[in-house]
């Protein structure tokens, strides 16, 4: 019992709270245009055809849609508008799914600007 109690204390220090040593991330099962795995909490960049601009977004899981989304905010006419785009996958070679419009550029745990 003492061993399991110690493991519980150690794991709570490693994974929980503001001072956690490790932050577990959920793999989405998707890969970016460079073949890099996309995780929940990743920061991705993609080029929009509509506005001919680059968007930087955070990957989040949307419970109601049961899907991963790229979410970002932008200011339009002085108001903050929350935007989102579902991470869509096209079947690639083998059993991988590729999101070839996205590029992982960081994550919310290591990139301080997010």
PDB file of N, CA and C in Angstrom:
ATOM      1  N   UNK A   1       0.815  -1.197   0.000  1.00  0.00           N
ATOM      2  CA  UNK A   1       0.000   0.000   0.000  1.00  0.00           C
ATOM      3  C   UNK A   1       0.859   1.262   0.000  1.00  0.00           C
ATOM      4  N   UNK A   2       1.970   1.211   0.698  1.00  0.00           N
ATOM      5  CA  UNK A   2       2.866   2.357   0.757  1.00  0.00           C
ATOM      6  C   UNK A   2       3.444   2.663  -0.627  1.00  0.00           C
ATOM      7  N   UNK A   3       3.769   1.617  -1.380  1.00  0.00           N
ATOM      8  CA  UNK A   3       4.308   1.802  -2.722  1.00  0.00           C
ATOM      9  C   UNK A   3       3.302   2.528  -3.612  1.00  0.00           C
ATOM     10  N   UNK A   4       2.044   2.097  -3.591  1.00  0.00           N
ATOM     11  CA  UNK A   4       1.016   2.731  -4.418  1.00  0.00           C
ATOM     12  C   UNK A   4       0.725   4.158  -3.962  1.00  0.00           C
ATOM     13  N   UNK A   5       0.776   4.412  -2.673  1.00  0.00           N
ATOM     14  CA  UNK A   5       0.578   5.769  -2.159  1.00  0.00           C
ATOM     15  C   UNK A   5       1.695   6.682  -2.645  1.00  0.00           C
ATOM     16  N   UNK A   6       2.937   6.195  -2.621  1.00  0.00           N
ATOM     17  CA  UNK A   6       4.059   6.988  -3.103  1.00  0.00           C
ATOM     18  C   UNK A   6       3.964   7.245  -4.602  1.00  0.00           C
ATOM     19  N   UNK A   7       3.551   6.232  -5.362  1.00  0.00           N
ATOM     20  CA  UNK A   7       3.387   6.418  -6.808  1.00  0.00           C
ATOM     21  C   UNK A   7       2.310   7.444  -7.109  1.00  0.00           C
ATOM     22  N   UNK A   8       1.251   7.441  -6.323  1.00  0.00           N
ATOM     23  CA  UNK A   8       0.177   8.410  -6.509  1.00  0.00           C
ATOM     24  C   UNK A   8       0.677   9.830  -6.257  1.00  0.00           C
ATOM     25  N   UNK A   9       1.464  10.026  -5.212  1.00  0.00           N
ATOM     26  CA  UNK A   9       2.025  11.347  -4.903  1.00  0.00           C
ATOM     27  C   UNK A   9       2.984  11.782  -5.998  1.00  0.00           C
ATOM     28  N   UNK A  10       3.839  10.873  -6.435  1.00  0.00           N
ATOM     29  CA  UNK A  10       4.808  11.198  -7.486  1.00  0.00           C
ATOM     30  C   UNK A  10       4.095  11.557  -8.777  1.00  0.00           C
ATOM     31  N   UNK A  11       3.097  10.762  -9.196  1.00  0.00           N
ATOM     32  CA  UNK A  11       2.410  11.050 -10.453  1.00  0.00           C
ATOM     33  C   UNK A  11       1.638  12.357 -10.381  1.00  0.00           C
ATOM     34  N   UNK A  12       1.091  12.701  -9.197  1.00  0.00           N
ATOM     35  CA  UNK A  12       0.367  13.963  -9.103  1.00  0.00           C
ATOM     36  C   UNK A  12       1.326  15.147  -9.228  1.00  0.00           C
ATOM     37  N   UNK A  13       2.551  15.012  -8.763  1.00  0.00           N
ATOM     38  CA  UNK A  13       3.542  16.081  -8.897  1.00  0.00           C
ATOM     39  C   UNK A  13       4.032  16.199 -10.334  1.00  0.00           C
ATOM     40  N   UNK A  14       4.073  15.086 -11.044  1.00  0.00           N
ATOM     41  CA  UNK A  14       4.562  15.100 -12.420  1.00  0.00           C
ATOM     42  C   UNK A  14       3.528  15.682 -13.372  1.00  0.00           C
ATOM     43  N   UNK A  15       2.237  15.309 -13.224  1.00  0.00           N
ATOM     44  CA  UNK A  15       1.223  15.646 -14.221  1.00  0.00           C
ATOM     45  C   UNK A  15       0.210  16.704 -13.811  1.00  0.00           C
ATOM     46  N   UNK A  16       0.121  17.097 -12.548  1.00  0.00           N
ATOM     47  CA  UNK A  16      -0.953  17.988 -12.103  1.00  0.00           C
ATOM     48  C   UNK A  16      -0.441  19.343 -11.635  1.00  0.00           C
ATOM     49  N   UNK A  17      -1.295  20.334 -11.782  1.00  0.00           N
ATOM     50  CA  UNK A  17      -1.018  21.651 -11.221  1.00  0.00           C
ATOM     51  C   UNK A  17      -0.147  22.524 -12.099  1.00  0.00           C
ATOM     52  N   UNK A  18       0.041  23.743 -11.648  1.00  0.00           N
ATOM     53  CA  UNK A  18       0.820  24.725 -12.394  1.00  0.00           C
ATOM     54  C   UNK A  18       2.290  24.353 -12.492  1.00  0.00           C
ATOM     55  N   UNK A  19       2.803  23.649 -11.493  1.00  0.00           N
ATOM     56  CA  UNK A  19       4.213  23.281 -11.469  1.00  0.00           C
ATOM     57  C   UNK A  19       4.458  21.873 -11.996  1.00  0.00           C
ATOM     58  N   UNK A  20       3.543  21.352 -12.787  1.00  0.00           N
ATOM     59  CA  UNK A  20       3.684  19.992 -13.318  1.00  0.00           C
ATOM     60  C   UNK A  20       4.954  19.887 -14.159  1.00  0.00           C
ATOM     61  N   UNK A  21       5.618  18.779 -14.024  1.00  0.00           N
ATOM     62  CA  UNK A  21       6.842  18.548 -14.794  1.00  0.00           C
ATOM     63  C   UNK A  21       6.538  18.140 -16.225  1.00  0.00           C
ATOM     64  N   UNK A  22       5.444  17.441 -16.420  1.00  0.00           N
ATOM     65  CA  UNK A  22       5.037  16.976 -17.741  1.00  0.00           C
ATOM     66  C   UNK A  22       3.573  17.304 -17.974  1.00  0.00           C
ATOM     67  N   UNK A  23       3.227  17.642 -19.213  1.00  0.00           N
ATOM     68  CA  UNK A  23       1.843  17.886 -19.568  1.00  0.00           C
ATOM     69  C   UNK A  23       1.466  16.869 -20.635  1.00  0.00           C
ATOM     70  N   UNK A  24       0.571  15.917 -20.310  1.00  0.00           N
ATOM     71  CA  UNK A  24       0.189  14.935 -21.322  1.00  0.00           C
ATOM     72  C   UNK A  24      -0.588  15.608 -22.447  1.00  0.00           C
ATOM     73  N   UNK A  25      -0.311  15.189 -23.675  1.00  0.00           N
ATOM     74  CA  UNK A  25      -1.002  15.743 -24.829  1.00  0.00           C
ATOM     75  C   UNK A  25      -1.661  14.611 -25.599  1.00  0.00           C
ATOM     76  N   UNK A  26      -2.857  14.866 -26.125  1.00  0.00           N
ATOM     77  CA  UNK A  26      -3.607  13.864 -26.866  1.00  0.00           C
ATOM     78  C   UNK A  26      -3.260  13.963 -28.345  1.00  0.00           C
ATOM     79  N   UNK A  27      -2.768  12.856 -28.920  1.00  0.00           N
ATOM     80  CA  UNK A  27      -2.473  12.793 -30.354  1.00  0.00           C
ATOM     81  C   UNK A  27      -3.792  12.743 -31.115  1.00  0.00           C
ATOM     82  N   UNK A  28      -3.941  13.566 -32.136  1.00  0.00           N
ATOM     83  CA  UNK A  28      -5.186  13.637 -32.904  1.00  0.00           C
ATOM     84  C   UNK A  28      -5.308  12.522 -33.936  1.00  0.00           C
ATOM     85  N   UNK A  29      -4.209  11.843 -34.226  1.00  0.00           N
ATOM     86  CA  UNK A  29      -4.221  10.844 -35.290  1.00  0.00           C
ATOM     87  C   UNK A  29      -3.933  11.466 -36.651  1.00  0.00           C
ATOM     88  N   UNK A  30      -3.638  12.767 -36.653  1.00  0.00           N
ATOM     89  CA  UNK A  30      -3.404  13.507 -37.894  1.00  0.00           C
ATOM     90  C   UNK A  30      -1.964  13.980 -37.979  1.00  0.00           C
ATOM     91  N   UNK A  31      -1.511  14.244 -39.190  1.00  0.00           N
ATOM     92  CA  UNK A  31      -0.157  14.727 -39.447  1.00  0.00           C
ATOM     93  C   UNK A  31      -0.236  16.014 -40.259  1.00  0.00           C
ATOM     94  N   UNK A  32       0.699  16.951 -39.997  1.00  0.00           N
ATOM     95  CA  UNK A  32       0.706  18.210 -40.751  1.00  0.00           C
ATOM     96  C   UNK A  32       1.364  18.019 -42.108  1.00  0.00           C
ATOM     97  N   UNK A  33       1.526  19.110 -42.846  1.00  0.00           N
ATOM     98  CA  UNK A  33       2.060  19.029 -44.204  1.00  0.00           C
ATOM     99  C   UNK A  33       3.509  18.555 -44.260  1.00  0.00           C
ATOM    100  N   UNK A  34       4.205  18.593 -43.115  1.00  0.00           N
ATOM    101  CA  UNK A  34       5.591  18.122 -43.048  1.00  0.00           C
ATOM    102  C   UNK A  34       5.704  16.721 -42.448  1.00  0.00           C
ATOM    103  N   UNK A  35       4.565  16.079 -42.202  1.00  0.00           N
ATOM    104  CA  UNK A  35       4.569  14.742 -41.631  1.00  0.00           C
ATOM    105  C   UNK A  35       4.695  14.719 -40.110  1.00  0.00           C
ATOM    106  N   UNK A  36       4.597  15.878 -39.475  1.00  0.00           N
ATOM    107  CA  UNK A  36       4.704  15.968 -38.015  1.00  0.00           C
ATOM    108  C   UNK A  36       3.347  15.652 -37.387  1.00  0.00           C
ATOM    109  N   UNK A  37       3.358  14.896 -36.288  1.00  0.00           N
ATOM    110  CA  UNK A  37       2.120  14.564 -35.584  1.00  0.00           C
ATOM    111  C   UNK A  37       1.472  15.826 -35.021  1.00  0.00           C
ATOM    112  N   UNK A  38       0.136  15.885 -35.114  1.00  0.00           N
ATOM    113  CA  UNK A  38      -0.619  17.015 -34.566  1.00  0.00           C
ATOM    114  C   UNK A  38      -1.263  16.572 -33.258  1.00  0.00           C
ATOM    115  N   UNK A  39      -1.012  17.336 -32.182  1.00  0.00           N
ATOM    116  CA  UNK A  39      -1.550  17.047 -30.855  1.00  0.00           C
ATOM    117  C   UNK A  39      -2.513  18.154 -30.429  1.00  0.00           C
ATOM    118  N   UNK A  40      -3.452  17.805 -29.543  1.00  0.00           N
ATOM    119  CA  UNK A  40      -4.293  18.820 -28.933  1.00  0.00           C
ATOM    120  C   UNK A  40      -3.371  19.781 -28.183  1.00  0.00           C
ATOM    121  N   UNK A  41      -3.587  21.070 -28.340  1.00  0.00           N
ATOM    122  CA  UNK A  41      -2.721  22.074 -27.722  1.00  0.00           C
ATOM    123  C   UNK A  41      -1.627  22.577 -28.648  1.00  0.00           C
ATOM    124  N   UNK A  42      -1.475  21.946 -29.814  1.00  0.00           N
ATOM    125  CA  UNK A  42      -0.492  22.442 -30.777  1.00  0.00           C
ATOM    126  C   UNK A  42      -0.962  23.756 -31.382  1.00  0.00           C
ATOM    127  N   UNK A  43      -0.004  24.538 -31.819  1.00  0.00           N
ATOM    128  CA  UNK A  43      -0.278  25.770 -32.542  1.00  0.00           C
ATOM    129  C   UNK A  43       0.044  25.489 -34.005  1.00  0.00           C
ATOM    130  N   UNK A  44      -0.953  25.726 -34.857  1.00  0.00           N
ATOM    131  CA  UNK A  44      -0.779  25.449 -36.283  1.00  0.00           C
ATOM    132  C   UNK A  44      -0.960  26.724 -37.094  1.00  0.00           C
ATOM    133  N   UNK A  45      -0.325  26.726 -38.248  1.00  0.00           N
ATOM    134  CA  UNK A  45      -0.447  27.843 -39.187  1.00  0.00           C
ATOM    135  C   UNK A  45      -0.991  27.274 -40.488  1.00  0.00           C
ATOM    136  N   UNK A  46      -1.896  27.993 -41.103  1.00  0.00           N
ATOM    137  CA  UNK A  46      -2.353  27.592 -42.431  1.00  0.00           C
ATOM    138  C   UNK A  46      -2.731  28.815 -43.249  1.00  0.00           C
ATOM    139  N   UNK A  47      -2.740  28.636 -44.549  1.00  0.00           N
ATOM    140  CA  UNK A  47      -3.033  29.714 -45.484  1.00  0.00           C
ATOM    141  C   UNK A  47      -4.502  29.651 -45.871  1.00  0.00           C
ATOM    142  N   UNK A  48      -5.223  30.745 -45.683  1.00  0.00           N
ATOM    143  CA  UNK A  48      -6.636  30.774 -46.070  1.00  0.00           C
ATOM    144  C   UNK A  48      -6.753  31.265 -47.507  1.00  0.00           C
ATOM    145  N   UNK A  49      -7.576  30.589 -48.259  1.00  0.00           N
ATOM    146  CA  UNK A  49      -7.813  30.989 -49.652  1.00  0.00           C
ATOM    147  C   UNK A  49      -8.727  32.210 -49.727  1.00  0.00           C
ATOM    148  N   UNK A  50      -9.637  32.325 -48.764  1.00  0.00           N
ATOM    149  CA  UNK A  50     -10.629  33.402 -48.795  1.00  0.00           C
ATOM    150  C   UNK A  50      -9.981  34.765 -48.632  1.00  0.00           C
ATOM    151  N   UNK A  51      -9.110  34.908 -47.625  1.00  0.00           N
ATOM    152  CA  UNK A  51      -8.511  36.212 -47.338  1.00  0.00           C
ATOM    153  C   UNK A  51      -7.078  36.336 -47.830  1.00  0.00           C
ATOM    154  N   UNK A  52      -6.555  35.252 -48.428  1.00  0.00           N
ATOM    155  CA  UNK A  52      -5.155  35.243 -48.890  1.00  0.00           C
ATOM    156  C   UNK A  52      -4.213  35.675 -47.767  1.00  0.00           C
ATOM    157  N   UNK A  53      -4.357  35.045 -46.632  1.00  0.00           N
ATOM    158  CA  UNK A  53      -3.527  35.362 -45.480  1.00  0.00           C
ATOM    159  C   UNK A  53      -3.228  34.087 -44.696  1.00  0.00           C
ATOM    160  N   UNK A  54      -2.299  34.170 -43.764  1.00  0.00           N
ATOM    161  CA  UNK A  54      -1.993  33.047 -42.890  1.00  0.00           C
ATOM    162  C   UNK A  54      -2.741  33.214 -41.571  1.00  0.00           C
ATOM    163  N   UNK A  55      -3.269  32.121 -41.057  1.00  0.00           N
ATOM    164  CA  UNK A  55      -3.953  32.105 -39.769  1.00  0.00           C
ATOM    165  C   UNK A  55      -3.144  31.236 -38.824  1.00  0.00           C
ATOM    166  N   UNK A  56      -2.968  31.694 -37.593  1.00  0.00           N
ATOM    167  CA  UNK A  56      -2.312  30.910 -36.552  1.00  0.00           C
ATOM    168  C   UNK A  56      -3.398  30.532 -35.554  1.00  0.00           C
ATOM    169  N   UNK A  57      -3.539  29.220 -35.306  1.00  0.00           N
ATOM    170  CA  UNK A  57      -4.637  28.725 -34.482  1.00  0.00           C
ATOM    171  C   UNK A  57      -4.142  27.674 -33.497  1.00  0.00           C
ATOM    172  N   UNK A  58      -4.957  27.397 -32.488  1.00  0.00           N
ATOM    173  CA  UNK A  58      -4.663  26.378 -31.492  1.00  0.00           C
ATOM    174  C   UNK A  58      -5.561  25.169 -31.750  1.00  0.00           C
ATOM    175  N   UNK A  59      -4.991  23.971 -31.664  1.00  0.00           N
ATOM    176  CA  UNK A  59      -5.749  22.736 -31.868  1.00  0.00           C
ATOM    177  C   UNK A  59      -6.464  22.375 -30.567  1.00  0.00           C
ATOM    178  N   UNK A  60      -7.787  22.220 -30.653  1.00  0.00           N
ATOM    179  CA  UNK A  60      -8.591  21.878 -29.483  1.00  0.00           C
ATOM    180  C   UNK A  60      -9.603  20.808 -29.861  1.00  0.00           C
ATOM    181  N   UNK A  61      -9.970  19.994 -28.863  1.00  0.00           N
ATOM    182  CA  UNK A  61     -10.989  18.977 -29.081  1.00  0.00           C
ATOM    183  C   UNK A  61     -12.342  19.570 -28.753  1.00  0.00           C
ATOM    184  N   UNK A  62     -13.286  19.436 -29.658  1.00  0.00           N
ATOM    185  CA  UNK A  62     -14.648  19.926 -29.453  1.00  0.00           C
ATOM    186  C   UNK A  62     -15.533  18.736 -29.102  1.00  0.00           C
ATOM    187  N   UNK A  63     -15.946  18.669 -27.845  1.00  0.00           N
ATOM    188  CA  UNK A  63     -16.692  17.524 -27.323  1.00  0.00           C
ATOM    189  C   UNK A  63     -17.990  17.282 -28.102  1.00  0.00           C
ATOM    190  N   UNK A  64     -18.770  18.339 -28.359  1.00  0.00           N
ATOM    191  CA  UNK A  64     -20.070  18.169 -29.006  1.00  0.00           C
ATOM    192  C   UNK A  64     -19.941  17.654 -30.432  1.00  0.00           C
ATOM    193  N   UNK A  65     -18.905  18.068 -31.132  1.00  0.00           N
ATOM    194  CA  UNK A  65     -18.709  17.621 -32.508  1.00  0.00           C
ATOM    195  C   UNK A  65     -17.880  16.347 -32.573  1.00  0.00           C
ATOM    196  N   UNK A  66     -17.265  15.994 -31.451  1.00  0.00           N
ATOM    197  CA  UNK A  66     -16.381  14.829 -31.376  1.00  0.00           C
ATOM    198  C   UNK A  66     -15.306  14.919 -32.467  1.00  0.00           C
ATOM    199  N   UNK A  67     -14.663  16.088 -32.526  1.00  0.00           N
ATOM    200  CA  UNK A  67     -13.660  16.329 -33.556  1.00  0.00           C
ATOM    201  C   UNK A  67     -12.650  17.365 -33.060  1.00  0.00           C
ATOM    202  N   UNK A  68     -11.488  17.395 -33.702  1.00  0.00           N
ATOM    203  CA  UNK A  68     -10.467  18.397 -33.391  1.00  0.00           C
ATOM    204  C   UNK A  68     -10.656  19.597 -34.315  1.00  0.00           C
ATOM    205  N   UNK A  69     -10.461  20.781 -33.743  1.00  0.00           N
ATOM    206  CA  UNK A  69     -10.659  22.027 -34.477  1.00  0.00           C
ATOM    207  C   UNK A  69      -9.448  22.926 -34.304  1.00  0.00           C
ATOM    208  N   UNK A  70      -9.167  23.718 -35.320  1.00  0.00           N
ATOM    209  CA  UNK A  70      -8.200  24.806 -35.230  1.00  0.00           C
ATOM    210  C   UNK A  70      -9.011  26.041 -34.836  1.00  0.00           C
ATOM    211  N   UNK A  71      -8.695  26.631 -33.673  1.00  0.00           N
ATOM    212  CA  UNK A  71      -9.468  27.774 -33.173  1.00  0.00           C
ATOM    213  C   UNK A  71      -8.562  28.991 -33.021  1.00  0.00           C
ATOM    214  N   UNK A  72      -9.092  30.143 -33.378  1.00  0.00           N
ATOM    215  CA  UNK A  72      -8.349  31.394 -33.255  1.00  0.00           C
ATOM    216  C   UNK A  72      -9.327  32.547 -33.078  1.00  0.00           C
ATOM    217  N   UNK A  73      -8.801  33.691 -32.713  1.00  0.00           N
ATOM    218  CA  UNK A  73      -9.603  34.907 -32.567  1.00  0.00           C
ATOM    219  C   UNK A  73      -9.030  35.969 -33.486  1.00  0.00           C
ATOM    220  N   UNK A  74      -9.900  36.802 -33.988  1.00  0.00           N
ATOM    221  CA  UNK A  74      -9.443  37.953 -34.778  1.00  0.00           C
ATOM    222  C   UNK A  74     -10.326  39.142 -34.455  1.00  0.00           C
ATOM    223  N   UNK A  75      -9.791  40.320 -34.691  1.00  0.00           N
ATOM    224  CA  UNK A  75     -10.525  41.546 -34.398  1.00  0.00           C
ATOM    225  C   UNK A  75     -11.120  42.077 -35.696  1.00  0.00           C
ATOM    226  N   UNK A  76     -12.441  42.246 -35.693  1.00  0.00           N
ATOM    227  CA  UNK A  76     -13.170  42.763 -36.853  1.00  0.00           C
ATOM    228  C   UNK A  76     -14.003  43.944 -36.379  1.00  0.00           C
ATOM    229  N   UNK A  77     -13.747  45.097 -36.957  1.00  0.00           N
ATOM    230  CA  UNK A  77     -14.464  46.326 -36.583  1.00  0.00           C
ATOM    231  C   UNK A  77     -14.440  46.571 -35.072  1.00  0.00           C
ATOM    232  N   UNK A  78     -13.273  46.328 -34.449  1.00  0.00           N
ATOM    233  CA  UNK A  78     -13.102  46.590 -33.028  1.00  0.00           C
ATOM    234  C   UNK A  78     -13.663  45.513 -32.108  1.00  0.00           C
ATOM    235  N   UNK A  79     -14.250  44.459 -32.675  1.00  0.00           N
ATOM    236  CA  UNK A  79     -14.806  43.368 -31.864  1.00  0.00           C
ATOM    237  C   UNK A  79     -13.973  42.109 -32.052  1.00  0.00           C
ATOM    238  N   UNK A  80     -13.810  41.344 -30.973  1.00  0.00           N
ATOM    239  CA  UNK A  80     -13.101  40.075 -31.051  1.00  0.00           C
ATOM    240  C   UNK A  80     -14.073  38.995 -31.504  1.00  0.00           C
ATOM    241  N   UNK A  81     -13.720  38.339 -32.591  1.00  0.00           N
ATOM    242  CA  UNK A  81     -14.538  37.266 -33.155  1.00  0.00           C
ATOM    243  C   UNK A  81     -13.767  35.952 -33.022  1.00  0.00           C
ATOM    244  N   UNK A  82     -14.406  34.940 -32.422  1.00  0.00           N
ATOM    245  CA  UNK A  82     -13.794  33.622 -32.322  1.00  0.00           C
ATOM    246  C   UNK A  82     -14.105  32.833 -33.591  1.00  0.00           C
ATOM    247  N   UNK A  83     -13.066  32.295 -34.186  1.00  0.00           N
ATOM    248  CA  UNK A  83     -13.203  31.531 -35.431  1.00  0.00           C
ATOM    249  C   UNK A  83     -12.729  30.108 -35.190  1.00  0.00           C
ATOM    250  N   UNK A  84     -13.159  29.195 -36.039  1.00  0.00           N
ATOM    251  CA  UNK A  84     -12.703  27.817 -35.933  1.00  0.00           C
ATOM    252  C   UNK A  84     -12.841  27.115 -37.278  1.00  0.00           C
ATOM    253  N   UNK A  85     -12.035  26.095 -37.456  1.00  0.00           N
ATOM    254  CA  UNK A  85     -12.059  25.286 -38.670  1.00  0.00           C
ATOM    255  C   UNK A  85     -11.759  23.853 -38.264  1.00  0.00           C
ATOM    256  N   UNK A  86     -12.595  22.926 -38.707  1.00  0.00           N
ATOM    257  CA  UNK A  86     -12.365  21.527 -38.362  1.00  0.00           C
ATOM    258  C   UNK A  86     -11.083  21.044 -39.022  1.00  0.00           C
ATOM    259  N   UNK A  87     -10.293  20.273 -38.267  1.00  0.00           N
ATOM    260  CA  UNK A  87      -9.097  19.660 -38.848  1.00  0.00           C
ATOM    261  C   UNK A  87      -9.568  18.519 -39.724  1.00  0.00           C
ATOM    262  N   UNK A  88      -9.562  18.745 -41.018  1.00  0.00           N
ATOM    263  CA  UNK A  88     -10.010  17.705 -41.944  1.00  0.00           C
ATOM    264  C   UNK A  88      -8.809  16.917 -42.415  1.00  0.00           C
ATOM    265  N   UNK A  89      -9.045  15.670 -42.706  1.00  0.00           N
ATOM    266  CA  UNK A  89      -7.954  14.786 -43.111  1.00  0.00           C
ATOM    267  C   UNK A  89      -8.255  14.179 -44.468  1.00  0.00           C
ATOM    268  N   UNK A  90      -7.228  14.087 -45.286  1.00  0.00           N
ATOM    269  CA  UNK A  90      -7.338  13.357 -46.546  1.00  0.00           C
ATOM    270  C   UNK A  90      -6.490  12.110 -46.411  1.00  0.00           C
ATOM    271  N   UNK A  91      -6.980  11.000 -46.915  1.00  0.00           N
ATOM    272  CA  UNK A  91      -6.263   9.747 -46.739  1.00  0.00           C
ATOM    273  C   UNK A  91      -4.944   9.802 -47.496  1.00  0.00           C
ATOM    274  N   UNK A  92      -3.867   9.522 -46.790  1.00  0.00           N
ATOM    275  CA  UNK A  92      -2.534   9.537 -47.378  1.00  0.00           C
ATOM    276  C   UNK A  92      -2.062   8.133 -47.671  1.00  0.00           C
ATOM    277  N   UNK A  93      -0.772   7.960 -47.844  1.00  0.00           N
ATOM    278  CA  UNK A  93      -0.231   6.637 -48.122  1.00  0.00           C
ATOM    279  C   UNK A  93      -0.170   5.812 -46.840  1.00  0.00           C
ATOM    280  N   UNK A  94      -0.353   4.523 -46.964  1.00  0.00           N
ATOM    281  CA  UNK A  94      -0.376   3.663 -45.785  1.00  0.00           C
ATOM    282  C   UNK A  94      -1.618   3.936 -44.964  1.00  0.00           C
ATOM    283  N   UNK A  95      -1.454   4.021 -43.658  1.00  0.00           N
ATOM    284  CA  UNK A  95      -2.601   4.268 -42.790  1.00  0.00           C
ATOM    285  C   UNK A  95      -2.471   5.591 -42.067  1.00  0.00           C
ATOM    286  N   UNK A  96      -1.851   6.557 -42.673  1.00  0.00           N
ATOM    287  CA  UNK A  96      -1.724   7.875 -42.051  1.00  0.00           C
ATOM    288  C   UNK A  96      -2.740   8.828 -42.654  1.00  0.00           C
ATOM    289  N   UNK A  97      -3.136   9.805 -41.872  1.00  0.00           N
ATOM    290  CA  UNK A  97      -4.001  10.860 -42.356  1.00  0.00           C
ATOM    291  C   UNK A  97      -3.179  12.149 -42.392  1.00  0.00           C
ATOM    292  N   UNK A  98      -3.295  12.895 -43.461  1.00  0.00           N
ATOM    293  CA  UNK A  98      -2.499  14.101 -43.631  1.00  0.00           C
ATOM    294  C   UNK A  98      -3.400  15.330 -43.677  1.00  0.00           C
ATOM    295  N   UNK A  99      -3.029  16.337 -42.933  1.00  0.00           N
ATOM    296  CA  UNK A  99      -3.698  17.638 -42.989  1.00  0.00           C
ATOM    297  C   UNK A  99      -2.722  18.570 -43.680  1.00  0.00           C
ATOM    298  N   UNK A 100      -2.671  18.477 -44.989  1.00  0.00           N
ATOM    299  CA  UNK A 100      -1.588  19.117 -45.732  1.00  0.00           C
ATOM    300  C   UNK A 100      -1.700  20.632 -45.867  1.00  0.00           C
ATOM    301  N   UNK A 101      -2.735  21.234 -45.265  1.00  0.00           N
ATOM    302  CA  UNK A 101      -2.772  22.703 -45.273  1.00  0.00           C
ATOM    303  C   UNK A 101      -2.228  23.278 -43.969  1.00  0.00           C
ATOM    304  N   UNK A 102      -2.038  22.423 -42.955  1.00  0.00           N
ATOM    305  CA  UNK A 102      -1.584  22.880 -41.643  1.00  0.00           C
ATOM    306  C   UNK A 102      -0.094  22.635 -41.452  1.00  0.00           C
ATOM    307  N   UNK A 103       0.532  23.508 -40.661  1.00  0.00           N
ATOM    308  CA  UNK A 103       1.926  23.319 -40.260  1.00  0.00           C
ATOM    309  C   UNK A 103       2.017  23.569 -38.755  1.00  0.00           C
ATOM    310  N   UNK A 104       2.500  22.582 -37.994  1.00  0.00           N
ATOM    311  CA  UNK A 104       2.681  22.748 -36.559  1.00  0.00           C
ATOM    312  C   UNK A 104       3.868  23.684 -36.338  1.00  0.00           C
ATOM    313  N   UNK A 105       3.633  24.770 -35.561  1.00  0.00           N
ATOM    314  CA  UNK A 105       4.703  25.741 -35.309  1.00  0.00           C
ATOM    315  C   UNK A 105       5.025  25.876 -33.824  1.00  0.00           C
ATOM    316  N   UNK A 106       4.359  25.105 -32.971  1.00  0.00           N
ATOM    317  CA  UNK A 106       4.607  25.155 -31.537  1.00  0.00           C
ATOM    318  C   UNK A 106       3.456  24.527 -30.783  1.00  0.00           C
ATOM    319  N   UNK A 107       3.414  24.764 -29.478  1.00  0.00           N
ATOM    320  CA  UNK A 107       2.270  24.323 -28.684  1.00  0.00           C
ATOM    321  C   UNK A 107       2.047  25.311 -27.540  1.00  0.00           C
ATOM    322  N   UNK A 108       0.875  25.217 -26.943  1.00  0.00           N
ATOM    323  CA  UNK A 108       0.502  26.206 -25.922  1.00  0.00           C
ATOM    324  C   UNK A 108       1.302  26.059 -24.642  1.00  0.00           C
ATOM    325  N   UNK A 109       1.996  24.940 -24.476  1.00  0.00           N
ATOM    326  CA  UNK A 109       2.762  24.710 -23.252  1.00  0.00           C
ATOM    327  C   UNK A 109       4.175  25.254 -23.333  1.00  0.00           C
ATOM    328  N   UNK A 110       4.721  25.364 -24.537  1.00  0.00           N
ATOM    329  CA  UNK A 110       6.110  25.806 -24.702  1.00  0.00           C
ATOM    330  C   UNK A 110       6.232  27.155 -25.394  1.00  0.00           C
ATOM    331  N   UNK A 111       5.177  27.610 -26.070  1.00  0.00           N
ATOM    332  CA  UNK A 111       5.205  28.876 -26.780  1.00  0.00           C
ATOM    333  C   UNK A 111       4.516  29.919 -25.914  1.00  0.00           C
ATOM    334  N   UNK A 112       5.240  30.878 -25.417  1.00  0.00           N
ATOM    335  CA  UNK A 112       4.746  31.817 -24.412  1.00  0.00           C
ATOM    336  C   UNK A 112       3.716  32.809 -24.944  1.00  0.00           C
ATOM    337  N   UNK A 113       3.633  33.036 -26.246  1.00  0.00           N
ATOM    338  CA  UNK A 113       2.725  34.052 -26.761  1.00  0.00           C
ATOM    339  C   UNK A 113       1.285  33.567 -26.826  1.00  0.00           C
ATOM    340  N   UNK A 114       1.037  32.299 -26.507  1.00  0.00           N
ATOM    341  CA  UNK A 114      -0.336  31.776 -26.583  1.00  0.00           C
ATOM    342  C   UNK A 114      -0.858  31.407 -25.246  1.00  0.00           C
TER     343      UNK A 114
END
